[in-house]
Amino acid sequence: MTELFAFKILTRDQWEQWRADDIFTGAPVDLADGYIHLSARDQVAETAAKHFAGQDDLILAMIDLAALGDAVKWELSRGEALFPHVYGPIPMSAVTTKAKLRLGSDDKHIFPAGF
């Protein structure tokens, strides 16, 4: 794949722990699966709807994939699409930007411009 960036949706507690530790080893689903789930730009809205429905005050982190090197593997997942999976921790230095991911009045997540 030629994507330069991917996205991770986190709860506020997960984000605060990442900031405190300066490294992210995964959310419970990541730890159970053995890799950190990320989404490409065109996948992240569906990921939010499927796995974070009704959850407000989330954090959307944009990850520089080049900073992770060979730890990133593009693998088949939902709908036979290739998703970026990270086999190893993600340092805070790989986060290029973050934004709050809030629910709109229609209970769908509102993505900030540029994401």
N, C-alpha and C. Protein backbone atom coordinates (compact mmCIF):
# COMPACT_ATOMS: atom_id res chain seq x y z
N MET A 1 0.85 -1.19 0.00
CA MET A 1 0.00 0.00 0.00
C MET A 1 0.89 1.25 0.00
N THR A 2 0.33 2.32 -0.47
CA THR A 2 1.09 3.57 -0.56
C THR A 2 0.59 4.64 0.40
N GLU A 3 -0.28 4.27 1.31
CA GLU A 3 -0.78 5.23 2.29
C GLU A 3 0.38 5.72 3.16
N LEU A 4 0.40 7.01 3.43
CA LEU A 4 1.43 7.57 4.29
C LEU A 4 1.01 7.63 5.75
N PHE A 5 -0.31 7.70 5.96
CA PHE A 5 -0.85 7.86 7.30
C PHE A 5 -2.00 6.89 7.51
N ALA A 6 -2.24 6.54 8.77
CA ALA A 6 -3.39 5.74 9.15
C ALA A 6 -3.93 6.33 10.45
N PHE A 7 -5.07 5.83 10.89
CA PHE A 7 -5.77 6.43 12.02
C PHE A 7 -6.10 5.40 13.09
N LYS A 8 -6.04 5.85 14.34
CA LYS A 8 -6.41 5.04 15.48
C LYS A 8 -7.45 5.81 16.27
N ILE A 9 -8.57 5.14 16.56
CA ILE A 9 -9.60 5.73 17.41
C ILE A 9 -9.40 5.18 18.81
N LEU A 10 -9.38 6.10 19.77
CA LEU A 10 -9.11 5.73 21.16
C LEU A 10 -10.12 6.36 22.10
N THR A 11 -10.33 5.72 23.24
CA THR A 11 -11.08 6.37 24.30
C THR A 11 -10.18 7.43 24.92
N ARG A 12 -10.77 8.33 25.65
CA ARG A 12 -9.96 9.36 26.31
C ARG A 12 -8.96 8.71 27.26
N ASP A 13 -9.36 7.69 28.01
CA ASP A 13 -8.45 7.01 28.94
C ASP A 13 -7.28 6.37 28.21
N GLN A 14 -7.54 5.74 27.07
CA GLN A 14 -6.46 5.14 26.29
C GLN A 14 -5.48 6.21 25.81
N TRP A 15 -6.03 7.33 25.34
CA TRP A 15 -5.17 8.43 24.87
C TRP A 15 -4.32 8.98 26.01
N GLU A 16 -4.92 9.20 27.17
CA GLU A 16 -4.17 9.73 28.32
C GLU A 16 -3.07 8.77 28.76
N GLN A 17 -3.35 7.47 28.69
CA GLN A 17 -2.33 6.48 29.05
C GLN A 17 -1.19 6.50 28.04
N TRP A 18 -1.53 6.64 26.76
CA TRP A 18 -0.51 6.73 25.71
C TRP A 18 0.40 7.93 25.97
N ARG A 19 -0.22 9.06 26.27
CA ARG A 19 0.55 10.27 26.55
C ARG A 19 1.47 10.08 27.76
N ALA A 20 0.95 9.44 28.80
CA ALA A 20 1.74 9.23 30.01
C ALA A 20 2.90 8.27 29.77
N ASP A 21 2.65 7.22 29.00
CA ASP A 21 3.67 6.19 28.75
C ASP A 21 4.60 6.55 27.60
N ASP A 22 4.16 7.45 26.72
CA ASP A 22 4.89 7.86 25.51
C ASP A 22 4.96 6.72 24.49
N ILE A 23 4.19 5.68 24.72
CA ILE A 23 4.15 4.53 23.81
C ILE A 23 2.80 3.84 23.97
N PHE A 24 2.27 3.34 22.87
CA PHE A 24 0.97 2.66 22.89
C PHE A 24 1.17 1.20 22.53
N THR A 25 0.75 0.32 23.42
CA THR A 25 0.88 -1.11 23.17
C THR A 25 -0.42 -1.76 22.74
N GLY A 26 -1.52 -0.98 22.75
CA GLY A 26 -2.77 -1.49 22.23
C GLY A 26 -3.93 -1.38 23.19
N ALA A 27 -5.12 -1.28 22.59
CA ALA A 27 -6.37 -1.34 23.32
C ALA A 27 -6.68 -2.82 23.59
N PRO A 28 -7.67 -3.13 24.41
CA PRO A 28 -7.97 -4.54 24.68
C PRO A 28 -8.15 -5.40 23.43
N VAL A 29 -8.84 -4.89 22.41
CA VAL A 29 -9.02 -5.67 21.18
C VAL A 29 -7.69 -5.91 20.47
N ASP A 30 -6.80 -4.94 20.51
CA ASP A 30 -5.48 -5.09 19.90
C ASP A 30 -4.67 -6.17 20.62
N LEU A 31 -4.68 -6.09 21.93
CA LEU A 31 -3.93 -7.07 22.73
C LEU A 31 -4.46 -8.48 22.49
N ALA A 32 -5.78 -8.61 22.38
CA ALA A 32 -6.38 -9.92 22.14
C ALA A 32 -6.00 -10.47 20.77
N ASP A 33 -5.89 -9.59 19.77
CA ASP A 33 -5.61 -10.02 18.40
C ASP A 33 -4.11 -10.11 18.08
N GLY A 34 -3.28 -9.53 18.92
CA GLY A 34 -1.84 -9.63 18.71
C GLY A 34 -1.24 -8.55 17.82
N TYR A 35 -2.01 -7.53 17.50
CA TYR A 35 -1.52 -6.40 16.71
C TYR A 35 -2.44 -5.20 16.97
N ILE A 36 -1.95 -4.02 16.62
CA ILE A 36 -2.73 -2.80 16.81
C ILE A 36 -3.49 -2.50 15.52
N HIS A 37 -4.80 -2.40 15.65
CA HIS A 37 -5.68 -2.11 14.53
C HIS A 37 -5.62 -0.63 14.18
N LEU A 38 -5.36 -0.32 12.93
CA LEU A 38 -5.47 1.04 12.42
C LEU A 38 -6.42 1.02 11.23
N SER A 39 -6.83 2.18 10.79
CA SER A 39 -7.67 2.31 9.61
C SER A 39 -7.08 3.33 8.66
N ALA A 40 -7.20 3.08 7.37
CA ALA A 40 -6.82 4.07 6.37
C ALA A 40 -7.86 5.18 6.36
N ARG A 41 -7.54 6.27 5.71
CA ARG A 41 -8.43 7.43 5.67
C ARG A 41 -9.84 7.06 5.19
N ASP A 42 -9.93 6.23 4.16
CA ASP A 42 -11.24 5.89 3.62
C ASP A 42 -11.96 4.79 4.42
N GLN A 43 -11.34 4.30 5.48
CA GLN A 43 -11.93 3.25 6.30
C GLN A 43 -12.35 3.73 7.68
N VAL A 44 -11.81 4.84 8.11
CA VAL A 44 -11.94 5.23 9.52
C VAL A 44 -13.38 5.57 9.93
N ALA A 45 -14.17 6.16 9.05
CA ALA A 45 -15.56 6.47 9.41
C ALA A 45 -16.36 5.19 9.64
N GLU A 46 -16.15 4.20 8.80
CA GLU A 46 -16.84 2.92 8.98
C GLU A 46 -16.37 2.23 10.26
N THR A 47 -15.09 2.32 10.56
CA THR A 47 -14.56 1.76 11.80
C THR A 47 -15.23 2.41 13.00
N ALA A 48 -15.36 3.73 12.98
CA ALA A 48 -16.01 4.44 14.08
C ALA A 48 -17.46 3.98 14.24
N ALA A 49 -18.18 3.87 13.13
CA ALA A 49 -19.59 3.47 13.18
C ALA A 49 -19.74 2.03 13.68
N LYS A 50 -18.85 1.17 13.25
CA LYS A 50 -18.96 -0.26 13.59
C LYS A 50 -18.50 -0.56 15.02
N HIS A 51 -17.40 0.02 15.43
CA HIS A 51 -16.80 -0.37 16.71
C HIS A 51 -16.95 0.67 17.83
N PHE A 52 -17.39 1.88 17.49
CA PHE A 52 -17.49 2.94 18.50
C PHE A 52 -18.85 3.63 18.48
N ALA A 53 -19.85 2.96 17.95
CA ALA A 53 -21.20 3.54 17.85
C ALA A 53 -21.68 4.03 19.22
N GLY A 54 -22.19 5.24 19.23
CA GLY A 54 -22.74 5.81 20.45
C GLY A 54 -21.71 6.32 21.45
N GLN A 55 -20.43 6.14 21.18
CA GLN A 55 -19.40 6.61 22.10
C GLN A 55 -18.97 8.02 21.73
N ASP A 56 -19.02 8.89 22.71
CA ASP A 56 -18.66 10.28 22.51
C ASP A 56 -17.30 10.54 23.16
N ASP A 57 -16.72 11.68 22.83
CA ASP A 57 -15.46 12.13 23.43
C ASP A 57 -14.33 11.14 23.18
N LEU A 58 -14.23 10.68 21.94
CA LEU A 58 -13.13 9.82 21.53
C LEU A 58 -11.99 10.67 20.99
N ILE A 59 -10.84 10.05 20.83
CA ILE A 59 -9.68 10.72 20.25
C ILE A 59 -9.34 10.01 18.94
N LEU A 60 -9.13 10.80 17.90
CA LEU A 60 -8.72 10.29 16.60
C LEU A 60 -7.26 10.71 16.41
N ALA A 61 -6.37 9.71 16.37
CA ALA A 61 -4.94 9.99 16.20
C ALA A 61 -4.52 9.63 14.79
N MET A 62 -3.78 10.54 14.16
CA MET A 62 -3.23 10.31 12.83
C MET A 62 -1.79 9.83 13.01
N ILE A 63 -1.49 8.67 12.44
CA ILE A 63 -0.21 8.01 12.65
C ILE A 63 0.63 8.05 11.37
N ASP A 64 1.88 8.44 11.49
CA ASP A 64 2.84 8.43 10.39
C ASP A 64 3.35 7.00 10.22
N LEU A 65 2.91 6.33 9.17
CA LEU A 65 3.27 4.93 8.97
C LEU A 65 4.76 4.74 8.71
N ALA A 66 5.40 5.70 8.08
CA ALA A 66 6.84 5.58 7.81
C ALA A 66 7.63 5.47 9.10
N ALA A 67 7.16 6.12 10.15
CA ALA A 67 7.85 6.08 11.44
C ALA A 67 7.82 4.69 12.06
N LEU A 68 6.90 3.83 11.59
CA LEU A 68 6.75 2.49 12.16
C LEU A 68 7.47 1.42 11.36
N GLY A 69 7.95 1.79 10.17
CA GLY A 69 8.74 0.87 9.36
C GLY A 69 8.05 -0.45 9.07
N ASP A 70 8.80 -1.53 9.23
CA ASP A 70 8.32 -2.86 8.90
C ASP A 70 7.30 -3.41 9.89
N ALA A 71 7.01 -2.69 10.96
CA ALA A 71 6.00 -3.14 11.93
C ALA A 71 4.60 -3.07 11.33
N VAL A 72 4.43 -2.29 10.25
CA VAL A 72 3.12 -2.14 9.61
C VAL A 72 2.95 -3.21 8.54
N LYS A 73 1.85 -3.94 8.65
CA LYS A 73 1.49 -4.95 7.65
C LYS A 73 0.07 -4.65 7.17
N TRP A 74 -0.12 -4.64 5.87
CA TRP A 74 -1.45 -4.43 5.29
C TRP A 74 -2.07 -5.81 5.08
N GLU A 75 -3.16 -6.06 5.81
CA GLU A 75 -3.76 -7.39 5.80
C GLU A 75 -5.25 -7.32 5.54
N LEU A 76 -5.77 -8.39 4.94
CA LEU A 76 -7.20 -8.47 4.66
C LEU A 76 -7.98 -8.48 5.95
N SER A 77 -9.07 -7.72 5.95
CA SER A 77 -9.94 -7.66 7.11
C SER A 77 -11.36 -7.41 6.62
N ARG A 78 -12.06 -6.54 7.29
CA ARG A 78 -13.47 -6.26 7.00
C ARG A 78 -13.71 -6.05 5.51
N GLY A 79 -14.64 -6.81 4.95
CA GLY A 79 -15.01 -6.65 3.56
C GLY A 79 -13.90 -6.98 2.59
N GLU A 80 -12.96 -7.81 3.02
CA GLU A 80 -11.82 -8.19 2.18
C GLU A 80 -10.93 -7.00 1.81
N ALA A 81 -11.04 -5.92 2.56
CA ALA A 81 -10.18 -4.74 2.33
C ALA A 81 -8.88 -4.91 3.10
N LEU A 82 -7.83 -4.28 2.60
CA LEU A 82 -6.55 -4.27 3.29
C LEU A 82 -6.55 -3.18 4.36
N PHE A 83 -6.23 -3.58 5.59
CA PHE A 83 -6.15 -2.65 6.71
C PHE A 83 -4.72 -2.64 7.25
N PRO A 84 -4.28 -1.49 7.76
CA PRO A 84 -2.95 -1.43 8.38
C PRO A 84 -2.99 -1.99 9.79
N HIS A 85 -2.16 -2.99 10.04
CA HIS A 85 -2.01 -3.57 11.37
C HIS A 85 -0.57 -3.35 11.81
N VAL A 86 -0.39 -3.00 13.06
CA VAL A 86 0.94 -2.71 13.58
C VAL A 86 1.34 -3.81 14.56
N TYR A 87 2.43 -4.47 14.24
CA TYR A 87 2.97 -5.54 15.08
C TYR A 87 4.10 -4.98 15.93
N GLY A 88 3.70 -4.38 17.01
CA GLY A 88 4.64 -3.75 17.93
C GLY A 88 4.02 -2.48 18.47
N PRO A 89 4.67 -1.85 19.41
CA PRO A 89 4.14 -0.62 20.00
C PRO A 89 4.27 0.57 19.06
N ILE A 90 3.45 1.57 19.31
CA ILE A 90 3.51 2.82 18.54
C ILE A 90 3.99 3.93 19.47
N PRO A 91 5.14 4.53 19.16
CA PRO A 91 5.61 5.64 20.00
C PRO A 91 4.77 6.90 19.76
N MET A 92 4.66 7.72 20.76
CA MET A 92 3.92 8.98 20.62
C MET A 92 4.51 9.83 19.50
N SER A 93 5.79 9.70 19.24
CA SER A 93 6.43 10.49 18.18
C SER A 93 5.87 10.17 16.79
N ALA A 94 5.18 9.04 16.63
CA ALA A 94 4.58 8.68 15.34
C ALA A 94 3.22 9.35 15.13
N VAL A 95 2.68 9.97 16.17
CA VAL A 95 1.39 10.67 16.06
C VAL A 95 1.65 12.05 15.47
N THR A 96 1.07 12.31 14.30
CA THR A 96 1.30 13.60 13.65
C THR A 96 0.29 14.64 14.10
N THR A 97 -0.92 14.21 14.43
CA THR A 97 -1.95 15.11 14.94
C THR A 97 -3.03 14.28 15.60
N LYS A 98 -3.84 14.95 16.39
CA LYS A 98 -4.98 14.27 17.02
C LYS A 98 -6.13 15.25 17.09
N ALA A 99 -7.32 14.70 17.19
CA ALA A 99 -8.52 15.52 17.28
C ALA A 99 -9.56 14.80 18.11
N LYS A 100 -10.47 15.58 18.69
CA LYS A 100 -11.61 14.99 19.38
C LYS A 100 -12.57 14.46 18.33
N LEU A 101 -13.14 13.33 18.62
CA LEU A 101 -14.14 12.73 17.75
C LEU A 101 -15.44 12.69 18.54
N ARG A 102 -16.36 13.58 18.19
CA ARG A 102 -17.59 13.74 18.95
C ARG A 102 -18.78 13.23 18.14
N LEU A 103 -19.88 13.01 18.84
CA LEU A 103 -21.12 12.59 18.19
C LEU A 103 -21.94 13.81 17.80
N GLY A 104 -22.54 13.74 16.63
CA GLY A 104 -23.46 14.78 16.20
C GLY A 104 -24.85 14.49 16.72
N SER A 105 -25.79 15.35 16.41
CA SER A 105 -27.16 15.18 16.87
C SER A 105 -27.81 13.93 16.28
N ASP A 106 -27.25 13.40 15.20
CA ASP A 106 -27.75 12.18 14.58
C ASP A 106 -27.06 10.93 15.12
N ASP A 107 -26.24 11.09 16.19
CA ASP A 107 -25.49 10.01 16.82
C ASP A 107 -24.42 9.41 15.92
N LYS A 108 -24.01 10.13 14.89
CA LYS A 108 -22.88 9.72 14.05
C LYS A 108 -21.69 10.59 14.39
N HIS A 109 -20.51 10.01 14.28
CA HIS A 109 -19.30 10.76 14.60
C HIS A 109 -19.04 11.86 13.57
N ILE A 110 -18.59 12.97 14.08
CA ILE A 110 -18.24 14.13 13.24
C ILE A 110 -16.72 14.16 13.12
N PHE A 111 -16.24 13.99 11.90
CA PHE A 111 -14.80 14.01 11.67
C PHE A 111 -14.34 15.41 11.34
N PRO A 112 -13.24 15.84 11.96
CA PRO A 112 -12.72 17.17 11.68
C PRO A 112 -12.24 17.29 10.24
N ALA A 113 -12.23 18.50 9.74
CA ALA A 113 -11.71 18.75 8.39
C ALA A 113 -10.26 18.29 8.32
N GLY A 114 -9.90 17.67 7.22
CA GLY A 114 -8.55 17.23 7.03
C GLY A 114 -8.30 15.79 7.44
N PHE A 115 -9.30 15.17 8.04
CA PHE A 115 -9.11 13.76 8.45
C PHE A 115 -9.74 12.85 7.42
